[in-house]
Amino acid sequence: MQVNVHEAKSQLSRLLELVEEGESVIIARHGQPVAELVPARQKGFPFGIARGEPLVRPGDEWWQPMSDSEAEDWIEGQ
């Protein structure tokens, strides 16, 4: 959704509710996009991928060196 500056000023509460519901809100001046309202970052760990699972498996296994085949696979993926 795109709104002009005047509408954004007069409808800010409603626009914030839309953003909280997942809507993208762009604020425009003279029809040109100037800003985008986005949800604030949540406090805590910044990487969404680590919220459900730890970054590494429990234990010391993750600290072991790669095998030659793992290293080759990693190099090929670069």
N, C-alpha and C. Protein backbone atom coordinates (compact mmCIF):
# COMPACT_ATOMS: atom_id res chain seq x y z
N MET A 1 0.84 -1.16 0.00
CA MET A 1 0.00 0.00 0.00
C MET A 1 0.89 1.23 0.00
N GLN A 2 0.51 2.22 -0.75
CA GLN A 2 1.24 3.49 -0.80
C GLN A 2 0.30 4.62 -0.39
N VAL A 3 0.78 5.50 0.49
CA VAL A 3 0.00 6.65 0.94
C VAL A 3 0.86 7.90 0.80
N ASN A 4 0.20 9.06 0.69
CA ASN A 4 0.97 10.30 0.64
C ASN A 4 1.27 10.77 2.06
N VAL A 5 2.15 11.75 2.18
CA VAL A 5 2.61 12.22 3.48
C VAL A 5 1.43 12.70 4.33
N HIS A 6 0.54 13.48 3.76
CA HIS A 6 -0.60 14.01 4.52
C HIS A 6 -1.44 12.87 5.10
N GLU A 7 -1.74 11.87 4.27
CA GLU A 7 -2.52 10.73 4.75
C GLU A 7 -1.77 9.96 5.82
N ALA A 8 -0.46 9.82 5.65
CA ALA A 8 0.34 9.10 6.64
C ALA A 8 0.29 9.81 7.99
N LYS A 9 0.37 11.14 7.97
CA LYS A 9 0.31 11.89 9.23
C LYS A 9 -1.05 11.74 9.91
N SER A 10 -2.10 11.78 9.13
CA SER A 10 -3.44 11.73 9.73
C SER A 10 -3.90 10.31 10.05
N GLN A 11 -3.27 9.30 9.46
CA GLN A 11 -3.69 7.91 9.64
C GLN A 11 -2.60 7.03 10.25
N LEU A 12 -1.64 7.64 10.96
CA LEU A 12 -0.48 6.88 11.42
C LEU A 12 -0.86 5.67 12.27
N SER A 13 -1.77 5.82 13.19
CA SER A 13 -2.16 4.68 14.04
C SER A 13 -2.67 3.51 13.20
N ARG A 14 -3.53 3.80 12.25
CA ARG A 14 -4.07 2.75 11.37
C ARG A 14 -2.96 2.12 10.54
N LEU A 15 -2.04 2.93 10.04
CA LEU A 15 -0.94 2.40 9.22
C LEU A 15 -0.03 1.51 10.05
N LEU A 16 0.21 1.89 11.29
CA LEU A 16 1.03 1.04 12.17
C LEU A 16 0.36 -0.30 12.44
N GLU A 17 -0.94 -0.29 12.58
CA GLU A 17 -1.68 -1.55 12.76
C GLU A 17 -1.51 -2.44 11.53
N LEU A 18 -1.58 -1.83 10.35
CA LEU A 18 -1.40 -2.61 9.12
C LEU A 18 -0.01 -3.22 9.06
N VAL A 19 1.01 -2.44 9.45
CA VAL A 19 2.38 -2.97 9.45
C VAL A 19 2.50 -4.13 10.43
N GLU A 20 1.88 -3.99 11.59
CA GLU A 20 1.92 -5.09 12.58
C GLU A 20 1.25 -6.35 12.04
N GLU A 21 0.30 -6.19 11.14
CA GLU A 21 -0.39 -7.33 10.53
C GLU A 21 0.36 -7.88 9.33
N GLY A 22 1.49 -7.25 8.97
CA GLY A 22 2.29 -7.77 7.86
C GLY A 22 2.18 -6.99 6.56
N GLU A 23 1.38 -5.94 6.54
CA GLU A 23 1.21 -5.12 5.34
C GLU A 23 2.44 -4.24 5.13
N SER A 24 2.83 -4.05 3.89
CA SER A 24 3.91 -3.13 3.55
C SER A 24 3.29 -1.76 3.27
N VAL A 25 3.83 -0.72 3.93
CA VAL A 25 3.29 0.63 3.75
C VAL A 25 4.41 1.55 3.26
N ILE A 26 4.20 2.15 2.11
CA ILE A 26 5.16 3.08 1.52
C ILE A 26 4.58 4.49 1.63
N ILE A 27 5.41 5.42 2.08
CA ILE A 27 4.99 6.82 2.17
C ILE A 27 5.63 7.57 1.00
N ALA A 28 4.78 8.30 0.26
CA ALA A 28 5.25 8.99 -0.94
C ALA A 28 5.03 10.50 -0.82
N ARG A 29 5.90 11.23 -1.50
CA ARG A 29 5.75 12.68 -1.62
C ARG A 29 5.63 12.99 -3.10
N HIS A 30 4.56 13.61 -3.50
CA HIS A 30 4.29 13.92 -4.91
C HIS A 30 4.34 12.66 -5.77
N GLY A 31 3.84 11.55 -5.21
CA GLY A 31 3.77 10.30 -5.95
C GLY A 31 5.06 9.50 -5.99
N GLN A 32 6.15 10.05 -5.42
CA GLN A 32 7.43 9.35 -5.42
C GLN A 32 7.68 8.72 -4.05
N PRO A 33 7.94 7.41 -3.98
CA PRO A 33 8.20 6.76 -2.69
C PRO A 33 9.38 7.41 -1.97
N VAL A 34 9.19 7.68 -0.69
CA VAL A 34 10.23 8.31 0.12
C VAL A 34 10.66 7.40 1.28
N ALA A 35 9.70 6.70 1.86
CA ALA A 35 10.00 5.88 3.03
C ALA A 35 9.09 4.65 3.05
N GLU A 36 9.51 3.67 3.83
CA GLU A 36 8.70 2.46 3.99
C GLU A 36 8.56 2.16 5.47
N LEU A 37 7.34 1.93 5.91
CA LEU A 37 7.11 1.52 7.29
C LEU A 37 7.32 0.01 7.37
N VAL A 38 8.20 -0.41 8.26
CA VAL A 38 8.49 -1.83 8.44
C VAL A 38 8.42 -2.14 9.92
N PRO A 39 8.17 -3.40 10.28
CA PRO A 39 8.14 -3.76 11.70
C PRO A 39 9.51 -3.51 12.35
N ALA A 40 9.49 -3.09 13.60
CA ALA A 40 10.73 -2.88 14.35
C ALA A 40 11.41 -4.23 14.58
N ARG A 41 12.70 -4.19 14.68
CA ARG A 41 13.45 -5.42 14.99
C ARG A 41 13.12 -5.87 16.40
N GLN A 42 13.01 -7.16 16.54
CA GLN A 42 12.73 -7.71 17.86
C GLN A 42 14.03 -7.77 18.66
N LYS A 43 13.93 -7.56 19.95
CA LYS A 43 15.10 -7.69 20.81
C LYS A 43 15.49 -9.15 20.88
N GLY A 44 16.75 -9.40 21.15
CA GLY A 44 17.22 -10.76 21.28
C GLY A 44 18.13 -11.13 20.13
N PHE A 45 18.27 -12.39 19.91
CA PHE A 45 19.18 -12.89 18.89
C PHE A 45 18.74 -12.42 17.52
N PRO A 46 19.62 -11.77 16.74
CA PRO A 46 19.20 -11.16 15.49
C PRO A 46 18.97 -12.11 14.32
N PHE A 47 19.39 -13.34 14.43
CA PHE A 47 19.27 -14.25 13.30
C PHE A 47 18.06 -15.16 13.47
N GLY A 48 17.06 -14.98 12.62
CA GLY A 48 15.85 -15.76 12.71
C GLY A 48 16.08 -17.25 12.62
N ILE A 49 17.11 -17.66 11.87
CA ILE A 49 17.35 -19.09 11.69
C ILE A 49 17.72 -19.78 13.00
N ALA A 50 18.24 -19.03 13.96
CA ALA A 50 18.71 -19.64 15.20
C ALA A 50 17.65 -19.62 16.29
N ARG A 51 16.49 -19.07 16.02
CA ARG A 51 15.46 -19.00 17.07
C ARG A 51 14.92 -20.37 17.42
N GLY A 52 14.74 -21.21 16.41
CA GLY A 52 14.17 -22.52 16.67
C GLY A 52 15.20 -23.56 17.06
N GLU A 53 16.39 -23.44 16.52
CA GLU A 53 17.43 -24.43 16.77
C GLU A 53 18.74 -23.71 17.06
N PRO A 54 19.64 -24.33 17.81
CA PRO A 54 20.94 -23.71 18.02
C PRO A 54 21.73 -23.69 16.71
N LEU A 55 22.70 -22.77 16.60
CA LEU A 55 23.51 -22.69 15.40
C LEU A 55 24.39 -23.92 15.22
N VAL A 56 24.82 -24.50 16.32
CA VAL A 56 25.64 -25.72 16.26
C VAL A 56 25.01 -26.79 17.12
N ARG A 57 25.31 -28.03 16.78
CA ARG A 57 24.79 -29.15 17.57
C ARG A 57 25.44 -29.16 18.95
N PRO A 58 24.74 -29.65 19.96
CA PRO A 58 25.33 -29.77 21.29
C PRO A 58 26.53 -30.72 21.24
N GLY A 59 27.49 -30.49 22.10
CA GLY A 59 28.67 -31.33 22.17
C GLY A 59 29.85 -30.70 21.44
N ASP A 60 30.94 -31.45 21.35
CA ASP A 60 32.17 -30.94 20.76
C ASP A 60 32.37 -31.37 19.31
N GLU A 61 31.43 -32.12 18.75
CA GLU A 61 31.59 -32.63 17.39
C GLU A 61 31.77 -31.52 16.36
N TRP A 62 31.10 -30.38 16.55
CA TRP A 62 31.17 -29.29 15.58
C TRP A 62 32.56 -28.69 15.51
N TRP A 63 33.39 -28.90 16.53
CA TRP A 63 34.71 -28.31 16.61
C TRP A 63 35.77 -29.12 15.86
N GLN A 64 35.40 -30.32 15.44
CA GLN A 64 36.36 -31.20 14.77
C GLN A 64 36.67 -30.68 13.37
N PRO A 65 37.90 -30.89 12.88
CA PRO A 65 38.24 -30.45 11.52
C PRO A 65 37.40 -31.19 10.47
N MET A 66 37.22 -30.56 9.32
CA MET A 66 36.51 -31.19 8.21
C MET A 66 37.31 -32.36 7.66
N SER A 67 36.59 -33.33 7.16
CA SER A 67 37.27 -34.40 6.43
C SER A 67 37.65 -33.84 5.06
N ASP A 68 38.51 -34.55 4.34
CA ASP A 68 38.91 -34.10 3.01
C ASP A 68 37.71 -33.97 2.08
N SER A 69 36.78 -34.93 2.14
CA SER A 69 35.63 -34.87 1.25
C SER A 69 34.71 -33.69 1.63
N GLU A 70 34.55 -33.40 2.93
CA GLU A 70 33.76 -32.24 3.34
C GLU A 70 34.39 -30.94 2.85
N ALA A 71 35.72 -30.85 2.95
CA ALA A 71 36.43 -29.66 2.49
C ALA A 71 36.27 -29.49 0.97
N GLU A 72 36.38 -30.59 0.24
CA GLU A 72 36.21 -30.52 -1.22
C GLU A 72 34.79 -30.08 -1.58
N ASP A 73 33.79 -30.63 -0.89
CA ASP A 73 32.40 -30.23 -1.13
C ASP A 73 32.22 -28.74 -0.84
N TRP A 74 32.83 -28.26 0.24
CA TRP A 74 32.71 -26.86 0.61
C TRP A 74 33.37 -25.97 -0.45
N ILE A 75 34.55 -26.36 -0.92
CA ILE A 75 35.27 -25.58 -1.92
C ILE A 75 34.48 -25.55 -3.24
N GLU A 76 33.89 -26.67 -3.61
CA GLU A 76 33.10 -26.72 -4.85
C GLU A 76 31.86 -25.84 -4.77
N GLY A 77 31.33 -25.64 -3.57
CA GLY A 77 30.14 -24.83 -3.39
C GLY A 77 30.43 -23.33 -3.41
N GLN A 78 31.69 -22.95 -3.42
CA GLN A 78 32.05 -21.51 -3.40
C GLN A 78 31.84 -20.86 -4.72
